[in-house]
Amino acid sequence: MTDDDGLLRVITSANIACGFHAGDPDRMMVAMRGAVGAGVGIGAHPGFDDLRRFGRNRMDVPRATLENQIRYKVAASAGLFHGGAVCRADGRLVDRRDPGAVIHDAGQAAAGVLAILRAGAIPPAAGDPIPTRIDTVCVHGDSPGAVAMAQGLRLALQGAGGSVARFG
């Protein structure tokens, strides 16, 4: 719809539409890459949930809902921009249907997490370990025994001298 490349040669900052009224993850990424390439700062442009009228339709939205929509859109924008490095690593997720993809034993999970932390790398299913900073461990709350798993991991981490804290 626009000449983004031409505009990026003139401006110093760009607020990129982050969905609901315009933009989608693919268009957002194209715009973000263009901005980075042009040395242009990136911000988020949230809008009303109104694709049909490009966010220009007068809407009566409760303040709390509007605030939540803005938080959601800005977070999506930041996640899309900063999450690229995660997607480009060769540590693809293993299909949960594959044998061994989901660990149900807290002891096995704790040993694996401690090994990853000590190595500072993620061991892929095939290939060399992927060096990375490890800040969090994910326990899927919808898995049977999730509470016991989290408790076992916490005890193992603390027992190995690790810290367990809320992330920033």
C-alpha atoms as a PDB file:
ATOM      1  CA  MET A   1       0.000   0.000   0.000  1.00  0.00           C
ATOM      2  CA  THR A   2       2.906   2.355   0.638  1.00  0.00           C
ATOM      3  CA  ASP A   3       6.446   3.050  -0.497  1.00  0.00           C
ATOM      4  CA  ASP A   4       8.073   1.908   2.733  1.00  0.00           C
ATOM      5  CA  ASP A   5      11.565   1.807   1.226  1.00  0.00           C
ATOM      6  CA  GLY A   6      11.259   5.387  -0.005  1.00  0.00           C
ATOM      7  CA  LEU A   7       9.899   6.544   3.321  1.00  0.00           C
ATOM      8  CA  LEU A   8      12.671   4.767   5.243  1.00  0.00           C
ATOM      9  CA  ARG A   9      15.260   6.788   3.304  1.00  0.00           C
ATOM     10  CA  VAL A  10      13.760  10.004   4.701  1.00  0.00           C
ATOM     11  CA  ILE A  11      12.718   9.273   8.302  1.00  0.00           C
ATOM     12  CA  THR A  12      14.751   8.474  11.402  1.00  0.00           C
ATOM     13  CA  SER A  13      12.143   6.449  13.319  1.00  0.00           C
ATOM     14  CA  ALA A  14       9.272   4.211  12.207  1.00  0.00           C
ATOM     15  CA  ASN A  15       6.294   3.051  14.224  1.00  0.00           C
ATOM     16  CA  ILE A  16       5.339  -0.200  12.535  1.00  0.00           C
ATOM     17  CA  ALA A  17       1.706  -1.351  12.462  1.00  0.00           C
ATOM     18  CA  CYS A  18       1.479  -4.348  14.761  1.00  0.00           C
ATOM     19  CA  GLY A  19      -1.741  -6.016  13.783  1.00  0.00           C
ATOM     20  CA  PHE A  20      -5.491  -5.813  14.352  1.00  0.00           C
ATOM     21  CA  HIS A  21      -5.893  -2.784  12.077  1.00  0.00           C
ATOM     22  CA  ALA A  22      -2.966  -3.239   9.700  1.00  0.00           C
ATOM     23  CA  GLY A  23       0.127  -5.346   9.457  1.00  0.00           C
ATOM     24  CA  ASP A  24       0.741  -9.000  10.142  1.00  0.00           C
ATOM     25  CA  PRO A  25       3.876 -10.856  11.271  1.00  0.00           C
ATOM     26  CA  ASP A  26       5.273 -11.163   7.729  1.00  0.00           C
ATOM     27  CA  ARG A  27       4.704  -7.505   6.814  1.00  0.00           C
ATOM     28  CA  MET A  28       5.981  -6.395  10.201  1.00  0.00           C
ATOM     29  CA  MET A  29       9.223  -8.329   9.705  1.00  0.00           C
ATOM     30  CA  VAL A  30       9.733  -6.907   6.200  1.00  0.00           C
ATOM     31  CA  ALA A  31       9.239  -3.398   7.576  1.00  0.00           C
ATOM     32  CA  MET A  32      11.529  -4.055  10.544  1.00  0.00           C
ATOM     33  CA  ARG A  33      14.291  -5.454   8.355  1.00  0.00           C
ATOM     34  CA  GLY A  34      13.944  -2.474   6.031  1.00  0.00           C
ATOM     35  CA  ALA A  35      14.178  -0.096   8.968  1.00  0.00           C
ATOM     36  CA  VAL A  36      17.251  -1.816  10.382  1.00  0.00           C
ATOM     37  CA  GLY A  37      18.873  -1.751   6.949  1.00  0.00           C
ATOM     38  CA  ALA A  38      18.162   1.957   6.622  1.00  0.00           C
ATOM     39  CA  GLY A  39      19.398   2.756  10.133  1.00  0.00           C
ATOM     40  CA  VAL A  40      15.893   3.772  11.194  1.00  0.00           C
ATOM     41  CA  GLY A  41      14.673   3.315  14.777  1.00  0.00           C
ATOM     42  CA  ILE A  42      11.732   0.984  15.321  1.00  0.00           C
ATOM     43  CA  GLY A  43       8.625   1.563  17.419  1.00  0.00           C
ATOM     44  CA  ALA A  44       5.201  -0.056  17.574  1.00  0.00           C
ATOM     45  CA  HIS A  45       2.022   1.446  16.129  1.00  0.00           C
ATOM     46  CA  PRO A  46      -0.981  -0.184  17.778  1.00  0.00           C
ATOM     47  CA  GLY A  47      -4.472   0.507  16.501  1.00  0.00           C
ATOM     48  CA  PHE A  48      -8.066  -0.480  17.102  1.00  0.00           C
ATOM     49  CA  ASP A  49      -9.180  -4.011  16.227  1.00  0.00           C
ATOM     50  CA  ASP A  50     -10.672  -2.827  12.937  1.00  0.00           C
ATOM     51  CA  LEU A  51      -9.137  -4.426   9.832  1.00  0.00           C
ATOM     52  CA  ARG A  52     -12.089  -3.486   7.659  1.00  0.00           C
ATOM     53  CA  ARG A  53     -11.650   0.258   8.129  1.00  0.00           C
ATOM     54  CA  PHE A  54      -7.905   0.285   8.796  1.00  0.00           C
ATOM     55  CA  GLY A  55      -8.397   1.231  12.449  1.00  0.00           C
ATOM     56  CA  ARG A  56     -10.284   4.397  11.609  1.00  0.00           C
ATOM     57  CA  ASN A  57     -13.735   3.276  12.684  1.00  0.00           C
ATOM     58  CA  ARG A  58     -14.973   4.952  15.860  1.00  0.00           C
ATOM     59  CA  MET A  59     -15.100   2.236  18.494  1.00  0.00           C
ATOM     60  CA  ASP A  60     -16.319   2.111  22.058  1.00  0.00           C
ATOM     61  CA  VAL A  61     -13.764  -0.140  23.765  1.00  0.00           C
ATOM     62  CA  PRO A  62     -13.494  -0.448  27.541  1.00  0.00           C
ATOM     63  CA  ARG A  63     -10.312   1.175  28.783  1.00  0.00           C
ATOM     64  CA  ALA A  64      -8.970  -2.047  30.330  1.00  0.00           C
ATOM     65  CA  THR A  65      -9.525  -3.925  27.044  1.00  0.00           C
ATOM     66  CA  LEU A  66      -7.805  -1.188  25.057  1.00  0.00           C
ATOM     67  CA  GLU A  67      -4.850  -1.213  27.456  1.00  0.00           C
ATOM     68  CA  ASN A  68      -4.585  -5.000  27.164  1.00  0.00           C
ATOM     69  CA  GLN A  69      -4.749  -4.821  23.362  1.00  0.00           C
ATOM     70  CA  ILE A  70      -1.966  -2.248  23.292  1.00  0.00           C
ATOM     71  CA  ARG A  71       0.193  -4.338  25.650  1.00  0.00           C
ATOM     72  CA  TYR A  72      -0.427  -7.371  23.442  1.00  0.00           C
ATOM     73  CA  LYS A  73       0.457  -5.572  20.211  1.00  0.00           C
ATOM     74  CA  VAL A  74       3.585  -3.896  21.554  1.00  0.00           C
ATOM     75  CA  ALA A  75       4.780  -7.191  23.061  1.00  0.00           C
ATOM     76  CA  ALA A  76       4.097  -8.985  19.777  1.00  0.00           C
ATOM     77  CA  SER A  77       6.101  -6.372  17.933  1.00  0.00           C
ATOM     78  CA  ALA A  78       9.044  -6.645  20.326  1.00  0.00           C
ATOM     79  CA  GLY A  79       8.862 -10.435  20.317  1.00  0.00           C
ATOM     80  CA  LEU A  80       8.862 -10.600  16.541  1.00  0.00           C
ATOM     81  CA  PHE A  81      11.877  -8.321  16.323  1.00  0.00           C
ATOM     82  CA  HIS A  82      13.948  -9.869  19.123  1.00  0.00           C
ATOM     83  CA  GLY A  83      12.767 -13.447  18.647  1.00  0.00           C
ATOM     84  CA  GLY A  84      14.451 -13.804  15.272  1.00  0.00           C
ATOM     85  CA  ALA A  85      17.676 -15.095  16.749  1.00  0.00           C
ATOM     86  CA  VAL A  86      15.812 -17.904  18.496  1.00  0.00           C
ATOM     87  CA  CYS A  87      14.172 -19.010  15.265  1.00  0.00           C
ATOM     88  CA  ARG A  88      17.437 -19.031  13.279  1.00  0.00           C
ATOM     89  CA  ALA A  89      19.273 -21.395  15.725  1.00  0.00           C
ATOM     90  CA  ASP A  90      19.306 -24.994  14.537  1.00  0.00           C
ATOM     91  CA  GLY A  91      17.695 -26.193  17.770  1.00  0.00           C
ATOM     92  CA  ARG A  92      14.359 -27.015  16.251  1.00  0.00           C
ATOM     93  CA  LEU A  93      11.656 -28.267  18.568  1.00  0.00           C
ATOM     94  CA  VAL A  94      11.156 -31.996  18.590  1.00  0.00           C
ATOM     95  CA  ASP A  95       7.665 -33.131  17.652  1.00  0.00           C
ATOM     96  CA  ARG A  96       5.894 -34.101  20.874  1.00  0.00           C
ATOM     97  CA  ARG A  97       4.748 -37.322  19.190  1.00  0.00           C
ATOM     98  CA  ASP A  98       8.360 -38.494  18.739  1.00  0.00           C
ATOM     99  CA  PRO A  99       9.746 -40.904  21.344  1.00  0.00           C
ATOM    100  CA  GLY A 100      11.716 -39.057  24.028  1.00  0.00           C
ATOM    101  CA  ALA A 101      10.424 -35.639  22.980  1.00  0.00           C
ATOM    102  CA  VAL A 102       8.600 -35.125  26.268  1.00  0.00           C
ATOM    103  CA  ILE A 103      10.381 -36.003  29.494  1.00  0.00           C
ATOM    104  CA  HIS A 104       8.062 -37.140  32.274  1.00  0.00           C
ATOM    105  CA  ASP A 105      10.661 -38.126  34.871  1.00  0.00           C
ATOM    106  CA  ALA A 106      11.737 -35.227  37.099  1.00  0.00           C
ATOM    107  CA  GLY A 107      15.152 -36.782  37.763  1.00  0.00           C
ATOM    108  CA  GLN A 108      15.869 -37.201  34.054  1.00  0.00           C
ATOM    109  CA  ALA A 109      14.684 -33.662  33.358  1.00  0.00           C
ATOM    110  CA  ALA A 110      16.826 -32.254  36.182  1.00  0.00           C
ATOM    111  CA  ALA A 111      19.931 -34.086  34.934  1.00  0.00           C
ATOM    112  CA  GLY A 112      19.334 -32.737  31.430  1.00  0.00           C
ATOM    113  CA  VAL A 113      18.782 -29.169  32.599  1.00  0.00           C
ATOM    114  CA  LEU A 114      21.902 -29.243  34.782  1.00  0.00           C
ATOM    115  CA  ALA A 115      23.959 -30.607  31.870  1.00  0.00           C
ATOM    116  CA  ILE A 116      22.690 -27.814  29.613  1.00  0.00           C
ATOM    117  CA  LEU A 117      23.480 -25.164  32.232  1.00  0.00           C
ATOM    118  CA  ARG A 118      26.975 -26.529  32.855  1.00  0.00           C
ATOM    119  CA  ALA A 119      27.720 -26.678  29.124  1.00  0.00           C
ATOM    120  CA  GLY A 120      26.113 -23.317  28.364  1.00  0.00           C
ATOM    121  CA  ALA A 121      24.697 -24.984  25.286  1.00  0.00           C
ATOM    122  CA  ILE A 122      21.630 -26.818  24.058  1.00  0.00           C
ATOM    123  CA  PRO A 123      22.249 -30.323  22.696  1.00  0.00           C
ATOM    124  CA  PRO A 124      20.183 -30.721  19.506  1.00  0.00           C
ATOM    125  CA  ALA A 125      18.785 -34.091  18.450  1.00  0.00           C
ATOM    126  CA  ALA A 126      21.596 -34.178  15.858  1.00  0.00           C
ATOM    127  CA  GLY A 127      24.689 -32.053  15.407  1.00  0.00           C
ATOM    128  CA  ASP A 128      26.885 -29.931  17.613  1.00  0.00           C
ATOM    129  CA  PRO A 129      25.682 -28.269  20.824  1.00  0.00           C
ATOM    130  CA  ILE A 130      24.263 -24.780  20.316  1.00  0.00           C
ATOM    131  CA  PRO A 131      25.971 -22.297  22.660  1.00  0.00           C
ATOM    132  CA  THR A 132      23.408 -20.047  24.309  1.00  0.00           C
ATOM    133  CA  ARG A 133      22.700 -18.167  27.498  1.00  0.00           C
ATOM    134  CA  ILE A 134      20.177 -20.093  29.575  1.00  0.00           C
ATOM    135  CA  ASP A 135      17.901 -17.936  31.744  1.00  0.00           C
ATOM    136  CA  THR A 136      14.735 -19.985  32.104  1.00  0.00           C
ATOM    137  CA  VAL A 137      13.450 -23.533  32.109  1.00  0.00           C
ATOM    138  CA  CYS A 138      10.001 -24.306  30.728  1.00  0.00           C
ATOM    139  CA  VAL A 139       7.691 -26.776  32.414  1.00  0.00           C
ATOM    140  CA  HIS A 140       4.446 -27.242  30.504  1.00  0.00           C
ATOM    141  CA  GLY A 141       1.617 -26.734  32.963  1.00  0.00           C
ATOM    142  CA  ASP A 142      -0.696 -28.907  30.863  1.00  0.00           C
ATOM    143  CA  SER A 143       1.516 -31.988  31.277  1.00  0.00           C
ATOM    144  CA  PRO A 144       0.553 -34.604  33.856  1.00  0.00           C
ATOM    145  CA  GLY A 145       2.749 -34.210  36.920  1.00  0.00           C
ATOM    146  CA  ALA A 146       3.771 -30.648  36.063  1.00  0.00           C
ATOM    147  CA  VAL A 147       3.863 -29.545  39.703  1.00  0.00           C
ATOM    148  CA  ALA A 148       6.056 -32.490  40.744  1.00  0.00           C
ATOM    149  CA  MET A 149       8.295 -31.823  37.731  1.00  0.00           C
ATOM    150  CA  ALA A 150       8.701 -28.152  38.668  1.00  0.00           C
ATOM    151  CA  GLN A 151       9.398 -29.052  42.290  1.00  0.00           C
ATOM    152  CA  GLY A 152      12.023 -31.627  41.254  1.00  0.00           C
ATOM    153  CA  LEU A 153      13.721 -29.176  38.904  1.00  0.00           C
ATOM    154  CA  ARG A 154      13.736 -26.440  41.529  1.00  0.00           C
ATOM    155  CA  LEU A 155      15.304 -28.717  44.141  1.00  0.00           C
ATOM    156  CA  ALA A 156      17.908 -29.985  41.664  1.00  0.00           C
ATOM    157  CA  LEU A 157      18.852 -26.462  40.573  1.00  0.00           C
ATOM    158  CA  GLN A 158      19.122 -25.195  44.128  1.00  0.00           C
ATOM    159  CA  GLY A 159      21.008 -28.325  45.187  1.00  0.00           C
ATOM    160  CA  ALA A 160      23.570 -27.705  42.429  1.00  0.00           C
ATOM    161  CA  GLY A 161      24.103 -24.131  43.609  1.00  0.00           C
ATOM    162  CA  GLY A 162      21.864 -22.553  40.995  1.00  0.00           C
ATOM    163  CA  SER A 163      19.518 -19.714  41.679  1.00  0.00           C
ATOM    164  CA  VAL A 164      15.793 -19.801  41.197  1.00  0.00           C
ATOM    165  CA  ALA A 165      14.340 -16.336  40.806  1.00  0.00           C
ATOM    166  CA  ARG A 166      11.675 -14.405  39.035  1.00  0.00           C
ATOM    167  CA  PHE A 167      12.855 -13.089  35.696  1.00  0.00           C
ATOM    168  CA  GLY A 168      12.874  -9.354  35.125  1.00  0.00           C
END
